[in-house]
C-alpha atoms as a PDB file:
ATOM      1  CA  MET A   1     -26.399-121.962 -10.657  1.00  0.00           C
ATOM      2  CA  LYS A   2     -28.960-123.357 -13.077  1.00  0.00           C
ATOM      3  CA  ILE A   3     -32.502-123.645 -11.811  1.00  0.00           C
ATOM      4  CA  GLN A   4     -32.406-127.428 -12.257  1.00  0.00           C
ATOM      5  CA  ASN A   5     -29.363-127.683  -9.996  1.00  0.00           C
ATOM      6  CA  LYS A   6     -30.911-125.391  -7.352  1.00  0.00           C
ATOM      7  CA  VAL A   7     -34.070-127.486  -7.220  1.00  0.00           C
ATOM      8  CA  LEU A   8     -32.042-130.697  -7.098  1.00  0.00           C
ATOM      9  CA  ALA A   9     -29.852-129.355  -4.271  1.00  0.00           C
ATOM     10  CA  TYR A  10     -32.837-128.111  -2.253  1.00  0.00           C
ATOM     11  CA  THR A  11     -34.750-131.355  -2.782  1.00  0.00           C
ATOM     12  CA  THR A  12     -31.769-133.421  -1.699  1.00  0.00           C
ATOM     13  CA  GLU A  13     -30.882-131.223   1.292  1.00  0.00           C
ATOM     14  CA  HIS A  14     -34.413-131.416   2.693  1.00  0.00           C
ATOM     15  CA  PHE A  15     -35.022-135.091   1.736  1.00  0.00           C
ATOM     16  CA  LEU A  16     -38.155-134.148  -0.221  1.00  0.00           C
ATOM     17  CA  ILE A  17     -38.086-137.039  -2.696  1.00  0.00           C
ATOM     18  CA  ASN A  18     -36.690-140.539  -2.175  1.00  0.00           C
ATOM     19  CA  LYS A  19     -35.844-143.226  -4.683  1.00  0.00           C
ATOM     20  CA  GLY A  20     -38.998-145.033  -5.793  1.00  0.00           C
ATOM     21  CA  ASP A  21     -41.366-142.267  -4.628  1.00  0.00           C
ATOM     22  CA  ARG A  22     -44.570-141.478  -6.478  1.00  0.00           C
ATOM     23  CA  VAL A  23     -45.043-137.695  -6.566  1.00  0.00           C
ATOM     24  CA  LEU A  24     -48.295-135.923  -7.416  1.00  0.00           C
ATOM     25  CA  LEU A  25     -47.768-132.460  -8.902  1.00  0.00           C
ATOM     26  CA  ALA A  26     -50.443-129.859  -8.184  1.00  0.00           C
ATOM     27  CA  LEU A  27     -50.712-128.554 -11.737  1.00  0.00           C
ATOM     28  CA  SER A  28     -52.647-125.307 -12.133  1.00  0.00           C
ATOM     29  CA  GLY A  29     -51.233-124.339 -15.509  1.00  0.00           C
ATOM     30  CA  GLY A  30     -49.664-121.147 -14.099  1.00  0.00           C
ATOM     31  CA  PRO A  31     -45.953-120.336 -14.535  1.00  0.00           C
ATOM     32  CA  ASP A  32     -44.827-121.807 -11.199  1.00  0.00           C
ATOM     33  CA  SER A  33     -46.577-125.150 -11.586  1.00  0.00           C
ATOM     34  CA  ILE A  34     -45.512-125.422 -15.239  1.00  0.00           C
ATOM     35  CA  ALA A  35     -41.892-124.765 -14.299  1.00  0.00           C
ATOM     36  CA  LEU A  36     -42.093-127.430 -11.589  1.00  0.00           C
ATOM     37  CA  PHE A  37     -43.747-129.811 -14.081  1.00  0.00           C
ATOM     38  CA  HIS A  38     -40.767-129.603 -16.441  1.00  0.00           C
ATOM     39  CA  LEU A  39     -38.198-129.670 -13.634  1.00  0.00           C
ATOM     40  CA  LEU A  40     -39.684-132.798 -12.060  1.00  0.00           C
ATOM     41  CA  ARG A  41     -40.000-134.374 -15.489  1.00  0.00           C
ATOM     42  CA  VAL A  42     -36.244-133.889 -16.011  1.00  0.00           C
ATOM     43  CA  LEU A  43     -35.181-134.808 -12.476  1.00  0.00           C
ATOM     44  CA  GLN A  44     -37.250-137.981 -12.190  1.00  0.00           C
ATOM     45  CA  THR A  45     -34.679-139.987 -14.153  1.00  0.00           C
ATOM     46  CA  ARG A  46     -31.814-138.805 -11.970  1.00  0.00           C
ATOM     47  CA  LEU A  47     -33.622-139.262  -8.645  1.00  0.00           C
ATOM     48  CA  LYS A  48     -35.577-142.308  -9.825  1.00  0.00           C
ATOM     49  CA  PHE A  49     -39.138-141.342  -8.893  1.00  0.00           C
ATOM     50  CA  SER A  50     -42.447-141.221 -10.770  1.00  0.00           C
ATOM     51  CA  VAL A  51     -44.486-138.090 -11.563  1.00  0.00           C
ATOM     52  CA  PHE A  52     -48.280-137.771 -11.641  1.00  0.00           C
ATOM     53  CA  ALA A  53     -50.374-134.626 -12.019  1.00  0.00           C
ATOM     54  CA  GLY A  54     -53.650-133.342 -10.641  1.00  0.00           C
ATOM     55  CA  HIS A  55     -55.558-130.224 -11.706  1.00  0.00           C
ATOM     56  CA  PHE A  56     -58.411-128.729  -9.689  1.00  0.00           C
ATOM     57  CA  ASN A  57     -60.905-126.494 -11.461  1.00  0.00           C
ATOM     58  CA  HIS A  58     -62.439-124.150  -8.887  1.00  0.00           C
ATOM     59  CA  GLY A  59     -65.069-123.144 -11.425  1.00  0.00           C
ATOM     60  CA  LEU A  60     -64.697-119.472 -10.488  1.00  0.00           C
ATOM     61  CA  ARG A  61     -63.053-118.131 -13.676  1.00  0.00           C
ATOM     62  CA  THR A  62     -64.356-117.930 -17.218  1.00  0.00           C
ATOM     63  CA  LEU A  63     -61.150-119.521 -18.535  1.00  0.00           C
ATOM     64  CA  SER A  64     -61.033-122.337 -15.992  1.00  0.00           C
ATOM     65  CA  GLU A  65     -62.203-124.976 -18.479  1.00  0.00           C
ATOM     66  CA  SER A  66     -59.492-124.026 -20.974  1.00  0.00           C
ATOM     67  CA  ASP A  67     -56.902-124.142 -18.157  1.00  0.00           C
ATOM     68  CA  ALA A  68     -57.941-127.717 -17.377  1.00  0.00           C
ATOM     69  CA  LEU A  69     -57.724-128.665 -21.054  1.00  0.00           C
ATOM     70  CA  PHE A  70     -54.268-127.082 -21.313  1.00  0.00           C
ATOM     71  CA  CYS A  71     -53.017-129.161 -18.368  1.00  0.00           C
ATOM     72  CA  ARG A  72     -54.573-132.341 -19.740  1.00  0.00           C
ATOM     73  CA  GLU A  73     -52.928-131.881 -23.153  1.00  0.00           C
ATOM     74  CA  LEU A  74     -49.554-131.070 -21.586  1.00  0.00           C
ATOM     75  CA  CYS A  75     -49.603-134.257 -19.515  1.00  0.00           C
ATOM     76  CA  ALA A  76     -50.698-136.310 -22.518  1.00  0.00           C
ATOM     77  CA  LYS A  77     -47.765-134.904 -24.543  1.00  0.00           C
ATOM     78  CA  TYR A  78     -45.235-136.084 -21.959  1.00  0.00           C
ATOM     79  CA  ARG A  79     -47.170-139.190 -20.910  1.00  0.00           C
ATOM     80  CA  ILE A  80     -47.683-138.047 -17.338  1.00  0.00           C
ATOM     81  CA  PRO A  81     -50.726-139.700 -15.642  1.00  0.00           C
ATOM     82  CA  PHE A  82     -53.285-136.954 -15.072  1.00  0.00           C
ATOM     83  CA  GLN A  83     -56.479-136.483 -13.101  1.00  0.00           C
ATOM     84  CA  THR A  84     -58.767-133.480 -12.861  1.00  0.00           C
ATOM     85  CA  GLY A  85     -61.499-132.404 -10.467  1.00  0.00           C
ATOM     86  CA  LYS A  86     -64.019-129.584 -10.396  1.00  0.00           C
ATOM     87  CA  GLY A  87     -65.360-127.654  -7.442  1.00  0.00           C
ATOM     88  CA  SER A  88     -68.779-126.116  -6.962  1.00  0.00           C
ATOM     89  CA  LEU A  89     -67.601-122.957  -5.236  1.00  0.00           C
ATOM     90  CA  LYS A  90     -69.720-119.838  -5.360  1.00  0.00           C
ATOM     91  CA  PRO A  91     -68.349-116.484  -6.595  1.00  0.00           C
ATOM     92  CA  GLY A  92     -66.776-114.628  -3.695  1.00  0.00           C
ATOM     93  CA  ALA A  93     -65.696-117.816  -1.920  1.00  0.00           C
ATOM     94  CA  SER A  94     -62.939-117.116   0.604  1.00  0.00           C
ATOM     95  CA  GLU A  95     -59.312-118.068  -0.006  1.00  0.00           C
ATOM     96  CA  ASP A  96     -59.536-120.600   2.842  1.00  0.00           C
ATOM     97  CA  THR A  97     -62.601-122.239   1.281  1.00  0.00           C
ATOM     98  CA  SER A  98     -60.927-122.445  -2.127  1.00  0.00           C
ATOM     99  CA  ARG A  99     -57.739-123.798  -0.597  1.00  0.00           C
ATOM    100  CA  LYS A 100     -59.578-126.502   1.358  1.00  0.00           C
ATOM    101  CA  ALA A 101     -61.451-127.658  -1.751  1.00  0.00           C
ATOM    102  CA  ARG A 102     -58.206-127.821  -3.732  1.00  0.00           C
ATOM    103  CA  TYR A 103     -56.310-129.768  -1.087  1.00  0.00           C
ATOM    104  CA  ASP A 104     -59.195-132.166  -0.520  1.00  0.00           C
ATOM    105  CA  PHE A 105     -58.994-132.986  -4.229  1.00  0.00           C
ATOM    106  CA  LEU A 106     -55.199-133.334  -4.141  1.00  0.00           C
ATOM    107  CA  LYS A 107     -55.312-135.662  -1.120  1.00  0.00           C
ATOM    108  CA  LYS A 108     -57.881-137.881  -2.838  1.00  0.00           C
ATOM    109  CA  THR A 109     -55.949-137.892  -6.108  1.00  0.00           C
ATOM    110  CA  ALA A 110     -52.678-138.708  -4.311  1.00  0.00           C
ATOM    111  CA  GLY A 111     -54.469-141.649  -2.751  1.00  0.00           C
ATOM    112  CA  ASP A 112     -55.833-142.779  -6.117  1.00  0.00           C
ATOM    113  CA  PHE A 113     -52.316-142.759  -7.583  1.00  0.00           C
ATOM    114  CA  SER A 114     -50.755-144.249  -4.400  1.00  0.00           C
ATOM    115  CA  CYS A 115     -48.451-141.236  -4.146  1.00  0.00           C
ATOM    116  CA  HIS A 116     -46.056-140.562  -1.286  1.00  0.00           C
ATOM    117  CA  SER A 117     -46.147-136.788  -1.659  1.00  0.00           C
ATOM    118  CA  ILE A 118     -47.848-133.810  -3.286  1.00  0.00           C
ATOM    119  CA  ALA A 119     -45.521-131.229  -4.865  1.00  0.00           C
ATOM    120  CA  THR A 120     -46.654-127.619  -5.111  1.00  0.00           C
ATOM    121  CA  GLY A 121     -45.065-124.764  -7.053  1.00  0.00           C
ATOM    122  CA  HIS A 122     -44.390-122.464  -4.095  1.00  0.00           C
ATOM    123  CA  GLN A 123     -41.206-120.474  -4.657  1.00  0.00           C
ATOM    124  CA  LEU A 124     -38.951-117.933  -2.957  1.00  0.00           C
ATOM    125  CA  ASP A 125     -41.244-114.957  -3.609  1.00  0.00           C
ATOM    126  CA  ASP A 126     -44.191-116.877  -2.132  1.00  0.00           C
ATOM    127  CA  GLN A 127     -42.063-117.533   0.942  1.00  0.00           C
ATOM    128  CA  ALA A 128     -41.308-113.834   1.408  1.00  0.00           C
ATOM    129  CA  GLU A 129     -44.966-112.872   0.940  1.00  0.00           C
ATOM    130  CA  THR A 130     -46.123-115.539   3.400  1.00  0.00           C
ATOM    131  CA  ILE A 131     -43.695-114.452   6.121  1.00  0.00           C
ATOM    132  CA  ILE A 132     -44.771-110.814   5.837  1.00  0.00           C
ATOM    133  CA  LEU A 133     -48.430-111.862   5.832  1.00  0.00           C
ATOM    134  CA  HIS A 134     -47.890-113.845   9.049  1.00  0.00           C
ATOM    135  CA  LEU A 135     -45.943-110.970  10.598  1.00  0.00           C
ATOM    136  CA  ILE A 136     -48.732-108.495   9.875  1.00  0.00           C
ATOM    137  CA  ARG A 137     -51.369-110.791  11.378  1.00  0.00           C
ATOM    138  CA  GLY A 138     -49.220-111.671  14.382  1.00  0.00           C
ATOM    139  CA  THR A 139     -47.239-114.875  14.685  1.00  0.00           C
ATOM    140  CA  GLY A 140     -44.566-116.857  16.515  1.00  0.00           C
ATOM    141  CA  LEU A 141     -41.667-119.068  15.535  1.00  0.00           C
ATOM    142  CA  GLN A 142     -43.839-121.340  13.399  1.00  0.00           C
ATOM    143  CA  GLY A 143     -45.293-118.457  11.391  1.00  0.00           C
ATOM    144  CA  LEU A 144     -41.904-116.797  10.900  1.00  0.00           C
ATOM    145  CA  SER A 145     -40.656-120.123   9.505  1.00  0.00           C
ATOM    146  CA  GLY A 146     -42.999-119.473   6.597  1.00  0.00           C
ATOM    147  CA  ILE A 147     -43.798-122.235   4.144  1.00  0.00           C
ATOM    148  CA  MET A 148     -42.287-125.517   5.289  1.00  0.00           C
ATOM    149  CA  PRO A 149     -40.207-127.460   2.715  1.00  0.00           C
ATOM    150  CA  SER A 150     -42.189-130.547   3.752  1.00  0.00           C
ATOM    151  CA  ARG A 151     -45.069-131.355   6.079  1.00  0.00           C
ATOM    152  CA  PRO A 152     -47.949-133.864   6.271  1.00  0.00           C
ATOM    153  CA  VAL A 153     -50.816-132.782   4.027  1.00  0.00           C
ATOM    154  CA  SER A 154     -53.106-133.146   7.054  1.00  0.00           C
ATOM    155  CA  ARG A 155     -52.742-134.245  10.670  1.00  0.00           C
ATOM    156  CA  GLY A 156     -51.797-137.916  10.824  1.00  0.00           C
ATOM    157  CA  SER A 157     -51.484-138.313   7.042  1.00  0.00           C
ATOM    158  CA  LYS A 158     -48.623-140.330   5.559  1.00  0.00           C
ATOM    159  CA  ILE A 159     -48.721-138.150   2.433  1.00  0.00           C
ATOM    160  CA  ASN A 160     -46.398-135.130   2.575  1.00  0.00           C
ATOM    161  CA  LEU A 161     -46.707-131.725   0.950  1.00  0.00           C
ATOM    162  CA  ILE A 162     -43.340-130.876  -0.600  1.00  0.00           C
ATOM    163  CA  ARG A 163     -42.088-127.582  -2.073  1.00  0.00           C
ATOM    164  CA  PRO A 164     -39.006-128.303  -4.242  1.00  0.00           C
ATOM    165  CA  MET A 165     -38.816-124.751  -5.687  1.00  0.00           C
ATOM    166  CA  LEU A 166     -38.694-122.709  -2.454  1.00  0.00           C
ATOM    167  CA  SER A 167     -35.120-121.593  -3.154  1.00  0.00           C
ATOM    168  CA  VAL A 168     -35.966-120.343  -6.668  1.00  0.00           C
ATOM    169  CA  SER A 169     -37.184-116.800  -7.370  1.00  0.00           C
ATOM    170  CA  ARG A 170     -40.034-115.740  -9.614  1.00  0.00           C
ATOM    171  CA  ILE A 171     -37.516-114.036 -11.922  1.00  0.00           C
ATOM    172  CA  GLU A 172     -35.526-117.260 -12.296  1.00  0.00           C
ATOM    173  CA  ILE A 173     -38.716-119.160 -13.097  1.00  0.00           C
ATOM    174  CA  SER A 174     -39.736-116.635 -15.761  1.00  0.00           C
ATOM    175  CA  ALA A 175     -36.279-116.872 -17.351  1.00  0.00           C
ATOM    176  CA  PHE A 176     -36.414-120.681 -17.315  1.00  0.00           C
ATOM    177  CA  LEU A 177     -39.801-120.718 -19.036  1.00  0.00           C
ATOM    178  CA  ALA A 178     -38.734-118.155 -21.642  1.00  0.00           C
ATOM    179  CA  GLU A 179     -35.428-119.870 -22.435  1.00  0.00           C
ATOM    180  CA  ASN A 180     -37.166-123.173 -23.094  1.00  0.00           C
ATOM    181  CA  ASP A 181     -40.275-121.682 -24.707  1.00  0.00           C
ATOM    182  CA  TYR A 182     -42.553-123.419 -22.198  1.00  0.00           C
ATOM    183  CA  ARG A 183     -46.143-122.215 -22.440  1.00  0.00           C
ATOM    184  CA  PHE A 184     -48.333-121.509 -19.419  1.00  0.00           C
ATOM    185  CA  VAL A 185     -51.657-119.866 -18.583  1.00  0.00           C
ATOM    186  CA  GLY A 186     -52.074-116.576 -16.741  1.00  0.00           C
ATOM    187  CA  ASP A 187     -54.337-115.731 -13.809  1.00  0.00           C
ATOM    188  CA  ALA A 188     -55.608-112.158 -13.576  1.00  0.00           C
ATOM    189  CA  THR A 189     -56.571-112.649  -9.912  1.00  0.00           C
ATOM    190  CA  ASN A 190     -52.855-112.442  -9.052  1.00  0.00           C
ATOM    191  CA  LEU A 191     -53.107-108.706  -9.798  1.00  0.00           C
ATOM    192  CA  ASP A 192     -56.348-108.080  -7.915  1.00  0.00           C
ATOM    193  CA  PRO A 193     -55.589-105.635  -5.056  1.00  0.00           C
ATOM    194  CA  LYS A 194     -58.556-106.864  -2.995  1.00  0.00           C
ATOM    195  CA  PHE A 195     -56.369-109.808  -1.920  1.00  0.00           C
ATOM    196  CA  GLN A 196     -53.926-108.861   0.833  1.00  0.00           C
ATOM    197  CA  ARG A 197     -51.204-111.144  -0.519  1.00  0.00           C
ATOM    198  CA  ASN A 198     -51.330-109.303  -3.855  1.00  0.00           C
ATOM    199  CA  ARG A 199     -50.923-105.943  -2.141  1.00  0.00           C
ATOM    200  CA  ILE A 200     -47.896-107.294  -0.281  1.00  0.00           C
ATOM    201  CA  ARG A 201     -46.445-108.515  -3.593  1.00  0.00           C
ATOM    202  CA  LEU A 202     -47.194-105.381  -5.601  1.00  0.00           C
ATOM    203  CA  GLU A 203     -46.821-102.629  -2.993  1.00  0.00           C
ATOM    204  CA  LEU A 204     -45.107-103.619   0.253  1.00  0.00           C
ATOM    205  CA  LEU A 205     -42.239-105.793  -0.999  1.00  0.00           C
ATOM    206  CA  PRO A 206     -41.107-103.199  -3.589  1.00  0.00           C
ATOM    207  CA  LEU A 207     -41.099-100.612  -0.772  1.00  0.00           C
ATOM    208  CA  LEU A 208     -39.019-102.872   1.501  1.00  0.00           C
ATOM    209  CA  ALA A 209     -36.625-103.480  -1.394  1.00  0.00           C
ATOM    210  CA  GLU A 210     -35.716 -99.795  -1.228  1.00  0.00           C
ATOM    211  CA  TYR A 211     -34.216-100.520   2.223  1.00  0.00           C
ATOM    212  CA  ASN A 212     -32.826-103.951   1.308  1.00  0.00           C
ATOM    213  CA  PRO A 213     -32.634-104.852  -2.412  1.00  0.00           C
ATOM    214  CA  ASN A 214     -32.314-108.514  -1.444  1.00  0.00           C
ATOM    215  CA  ILE A 215     -35.241-108.503   0.993  1.00  0.00           C
ATOM    216  CA  LYS A 216     -36.757-111.674  -0.485  1.00  0.00           C
ATOM    217  CA  GLY A 217     -33.509-113.593  -0.162  1.00  0.00           C
ATOM    218  CA  THR A 218     -33.064-112.281   3.378  1.00  0.00           C
ATOM    219  CA  LEU A 219     -36.525-113.477   4.392  1.00  0.00           C
ATOM    220  CA  PHE A 220     -35.862-116.857   2.748  1.00  0.00           C
ATOM    221  CA  ARG A 221     -32.650-117.344   4.767  1.00  0.00           C
ATOM    222  CA  MET A 222     -34.426-116.340   7.952  1.00  0.00           C
ATOM    223  CA  ALA A 223     -37.150-118.902   7.252  1.00  0.00           C
ATOM    224  CA  GLU A 224     -34.557-121.626   6.658  1.00  0.00           C
ATOM    225  CA  ILE A 225     -32.893-120.886  10.016  1.00  0.00           C
ATOM    226  CA  LEU A 226     -36.122-120.613  11.998  1.00  0.00           C
ATOM    227  CA  ASN A 227     -37.626-123.661  10.294  1.00  0.00           C
ATOM    228  CA  ALA A 228     -34.773-125.820  11.621  1.00  0.00           C
ATOM    229  CA  ASP A 229     -35.181-124.339  15.105  1.00  0.00           C
ATOM    230  CA  TYR A 230     -38.940-124.791  15.081  1.00  0.00           C
ATOM    231  CA  ARG A 231     -38.701-128.397  13.896  1.00  0.00           C
ATOM    232  CA  TYR A 232     -36.422-129.190  16.836  1.00  0.00           C
ATOM    233  CA  ILE A 233     -38.640-127.498  19.432  1.00  0.00           C
ATOM    234  CA  SER A 234     -41.782-128.948  17.859  1.00  0.00           C
ATOM    235  CA  GLY A 235     -40.292-132.454  17.907  1.00  0.00           C
ATOM    236  CA  GLN A 236     -39.310-132.131  21.563  1.00  0.00           C
ATOM    237  CA  ALA A 237     -42.821-130.961  22.457  1.00  0.00           C
ATOM    238  CA  ALA A 238     -44.451-133.775  20.491  1.00  0.00           C
ATOM    239  CA  ASP A 239     -42.302-136.389  22.241  1.00  0.00           C
ATOM    240  CA  PHE A 240     -43.199-134.904  25.636  1.00  0.00           C
ATOM    241  CA  LEU A 241     -46.934-135.012  24.886  1.00  0.00           C
ATOM    242  CA  LYS A 242     -46.792-138.607  23.644  1.00  0.00           C
ATOM    243  CA  THR A 243     -45.426-139.609  27.043  1.00  0.00           C
ATOM    244  CA  TYR A 244     -48.251-137.976  28.962  1.00  0.00           C
ATOM    245  CA  CYS A 245     -51.222-138.514  26.657  1.00  0.00           C
ATOM    246  CA  PHE A 246     -54.189-140.521  27.970  1.00  0.00           C
ATOM    247  CA  PHE A 247     -57.504-141.781  26.610  1.00  0.00           C
ATOM    248  CA  GLU A 248     -60.624-142.035  28.723  1.00  0.00           C
ATOM    249  CA  ASN A 249     -64.221-142.664  27.659  1.00  0.00           C
ATOM    250  CA  THR A 250     -63.081-142.414  24.000  1.00  0.00           C
ATOM    251  CA  SER A 251     -61.860-138.872  24.714  1.00  0.00           C
ATOM    252  CA  LYS A 252     -58.248-137.775  24.421  1.00  0.00           C
ATOM    253  CA  GLY A 253     -56.435-135.678  26.990  1.00  0.00           C
ATOM    254  CA  TYR A 254     -53.082-134.960  28.588  1.00  0.00           C
ATOM    255  CA  ARG A 255     -51.962-135.551  32.190  1.00  0.00           C
ATOM    256  CA  ILE A 256     -48.725-133.594  32.627  1.00  0.00           C
ATOM    257  CA  PRO A 257     -46.585-133.834  35.784  1.00  0.00           C
ATOM    258  CA  VAL A 258     -46.278-130.393  37.407  1.00  0.00           C
ATOM    259  CA  LYS A 259     -42.620-130.816  38.339  1.00  0.00           C
ATOM    260  CA  GLU A 260     -41.510-131.876  34.849  1.00  0.00           C
ATOM    261  CA  PHE A 261     -43.489-129.133  33.109  1.00  0.00           C
ATOM    262  CA  ALA A 262     -42.242-126.366  35.418  1.00  0.00           C
ATOM    263  CA  SER A 263     -38.608-127.363  34.812  1.00  0.00           C
ATOM    264  CA  LEU A 264     -38.885-126.924  31.023  1.00  0.00           C
ATOM    265  CA  SER A 265     -37.785-123.835  29.108  1.00  0.00           C
ATOM    266  CA  LEU A 266     -40.400-121.168  28.391  1.00  0.00           C
ATOM    267  CA  SER A 267     -40.323-121.852  24.636  1.00  0.00           C
ATOM    268  CA  LEU A 268     -40.917-125.570  25.169  1.00  0.00           C
ATOM    269  CA  GLN A 269     -43.732-124.973  27.670  1.00  0.00           C
ATOM    270  CA  ARG A 270     -45.536-122.787  25.144  1.00  0.00           C
ATOM    271  CA  GLU A 271     -45.072-125.199  22.242  1.00  0.00           C
ATOM    272  CA  ILE A 272     -46.296-128.141  24.351  1.00  0.00           C
ATOM    273  CA  LEU A 273     -49.487-126.274  25.251  1.00  0.00           C
ATOM    274  CA  ARG A 274     -49.979-125.037  21.683  1.00  0.00           C
ATOM    275  CA  GLN A 275     -49.733-128.586  20.328  1.00  0.00           C
ATOM    276  CA  ALA A 276     -51.982-129.956  23.073  1.00  0.00           C
ATOM    277  CA  LEU A 277     -54.740-127.423  22.382  1.00  0.00           C
ATOM    278  CA  SER A 278     -54.473-127.804  18.615  1.00  0.00           C
ATOM    279  CA  GLY A 279     -54.457-131.610  18.816  1.00  0.00           C
ATOM    280  CA  LEU A 280     -57.527-131.787  21.031  1.00  0.00           C
ATOM    281  CA  MET A 281     -59.715-129.641  18.769  1.00  0.00           C
ATOM    282  CA  ASP A 282     -61.800-131.383  16.116  1.00  0.00           C
ATOM    283  CA  THR A 283     -61.347-128.621  13.542  1.00  0.00           C
ATOM    284  CA  SER A 284     -58.376-126.865  11.931  1.00  0.00           C
ATOM    285  CA  TYR A 285     -58.121-124.737  15.048  1.00  0.00           C
ATOM    286  CA  ARG A 286     -55.434-122.051  15.194  1.00  0.00           C
ATOM    287  CA  VAL A 287     -54.183-121.493  18.716  1.00  0.00           C
ATOM    288  CA  ASP A 288     -53.113-117.930  19.467  1.00  0.00           C
ATOM    289  CA  TYR A 289     -50.519-116.600  21.886  1.00  0.00           C
ATOM    290  CA  GLU A 290     -53.062-115.281  24.393  1.00  0.00           C
ATOM    291  CA  GLU A 291     -54.688-118.712  24.803  1.00  0.00           C
ATOM    292  CA  VAL A 292     -51.359-120.482  25.290  1.00  0.00           C
ATOM    293  CA  GLU A 293     -50.044-117.929  27.764  1.00  0.00           C
ATOM    294  CA  TYR A 294     -53.328-117.854  29.697  1.00  0.00           C
ATOM    295  CA  LEU A 295     -53.182-121.636  30.113  1.00  0.00           C
ATOM    296  CA  ARG A 296     -49.473-121.654  30.995  1.00  0.00           C
ATOM    297  CA  ARG A 297     -49.911-119.028  33.714  1.00  0.00           C
ATOM    298  CA  PHE A 298     -52.949-120.845  35.088  1.00  0.00           C
ATOM    299  CA  PHE A 299     -50.943-124.071  35.376  1.00  0.00           C
ATOM    300  CA  LEU A 300     -47.940-122.459  37.036  1.00  0.00           C
ATOM    301  CA  PHE A 301     -49.340-119.511  38.986  1.00  0.00           C
ATOM    302  CA  GLY A 302     -53.148-119.684  39.018  1.00  0.00           C
ATOM    303  CA  ARG A 303     -55.100-120.113  42.241  1.00  0.00           C
ATOM    304  CA  SER A 304     -58.267-121.731  40.864  1.00  0.00           C
ATOM    305  CA  GLN A 305     -58.373-125.484  40.244  1.00  0.00           C
ATOM    306  CA  LYS A 306     -60.267-125.630  36.964  1.00  0.00           C
ATOM    307  CA  ILE A 307     -60.855-123.395  33.920  1.00  0.00           C
ATOM    308  CA  ARG A 308     -62.757-123.601  30.650  1.00  0.00           C
ATOM    309  CA  ILE A 309     -60.736-123.084  27.477  1.00  0.00           C
ATOM    310  CA  SER A 310     -61.910-122.534  23.895  1.00  0.00           C
ATOM    311  CA  GLY A 311     -64.596-124.848  22.567  1.00  0.00           C
ATOM    312  CA  ASN A 312     -65.161-127.981  24.633  1.00  0.00           C
ATOM    313  CA  LEU A 313     -61.735-128.025  26.284  1.00  0.00           C
ATOM    314  CA  GLN A 314     -61.111-127.787  29.991  1.00  0.00           C
ATOM    315  CA  ALA A 315     -57.968-127.593  32.118  1.00  0.00           C
ATOM    316  CA  ALA A 316     -57.468-128.538  35.766  1.00  0.00           C
ATOM    317  CA  LYS A 317     -54.725-128.608  38.376  1.00  0.00           C
ATOM    318  CA  LEU A 318     -54.447-131.671  40.561  1.00  0.00           C
ATOM    319  CA  LYS A 319     -51.869-132.279  43.288  1.00  0.00           C
ATOM    320  CA  LYS A 320     -49.129-133.563  41.027  1.00  0.00           C
ATOM    321  CA  PHE A 321     -50.594-133.179  37.553  1.00  0.00           C
ATOM    322  CA  LEU A 322     -51.744-130.549  35.070  1.00  0.00           C
ATOM    323  CA  VAL A 323     -54.647-131.862  32.999  1.00  0.00           C
ATOM    324  CA  ILE A 324     -56.062-130.752  29.643  1.00  0.00           C
ATOM    325  CA  TYR A 325     -59.028-132.745  28.349  1.00  0.00           C
ATOM    326  CA  LYS A 326     -62.160-132.681  26.249  1.00  0.00           C
ATOM    327  CA  MET A 327     -65.489-132.443  27.996  1.00  0.00           C
ATOM    328  CA  PRO A 328     -67.493-134.373  29.043  1.00  0.00           C
ATOM    329  CA  SER A 329     -64.560-136.697  29.726  1.00  0.00           C
ATOM    330  CA  LEU A 330     -64.187-137.546  33.396  1.00  0.00           C
ATOM    331  CA  LEU A 331     -61.241-136.009  35.192  1.00  0.00           C
ATOM    332  CA  PRO A 332     -58.394-138.518  35.616  1.00  0.00           C
ATOM    333  CA  VAL A 333     -57.680-139.919  39.045  1.00  0.00           C
ATOM    334  CA  LYS A 334     -55.257-137.790  41.095  1.00  0.00           C
END
């Protein structure tokens, strides 16, 4: 199957782009983003959407200015509206810091262009690397689902991050670029072994391929299956929490009936508590298994009436309710 048809099928199957959408492409100038640039450019007529592009210059590489110029000239050639931004990151900035700066720029640019979504060039190899990275660090169903085909760019945002090329391999992308003589810029940091993701790409995945030559495709299929399962469980948990959410003294919390919570499946109990803890934190807080299980066991089996959780969160057991709230909010009436 041609790469264009694979991207079209994946985009359609996951409802990534709708008729009339305005899509911002995160254009770095690298092979993946350039491939997606040309694929979206071709598909926009068929799917009837508009393409815009945004390039963020981290300012960390000597060639970053020429990369920005390359992207600008490419967009001008094909008459794609383009916007660029530059960060003030210091050498040695963490991957998380760089990522946050880039996505802050993309969110702002999407707003400037009134876009419905932001498309990134993540592909099948990225999916495999991400799943292994999560597995090494420790993860659950969400982490094993890998990179989601679509999700809000931030909590509560109406702008979605979409990944139309997740079903396409790096080899297919390279062939597509070569066949059409599409130019792109390279990034030497992708070969730097100090980054764990690069070591997974260059060392671990080739080793796993000795046991399963199609390891990347296998991990992709697993992610597709688990992603559907996680979306269902996550949706059920979100609906449950909406029912039992309360606001008091401008502080958000949850008052959960003991009987209803105890009757739920173990997987749903854990996801409800994970979402509750994550939603009550002011930062991009990552809830781990130990925190969720500690809280679940306290609610169902603990003898004490009140415990302190991470940050400014507190949990309490009343006669008929389990309560999670932000301090110094007053405890709800029994």
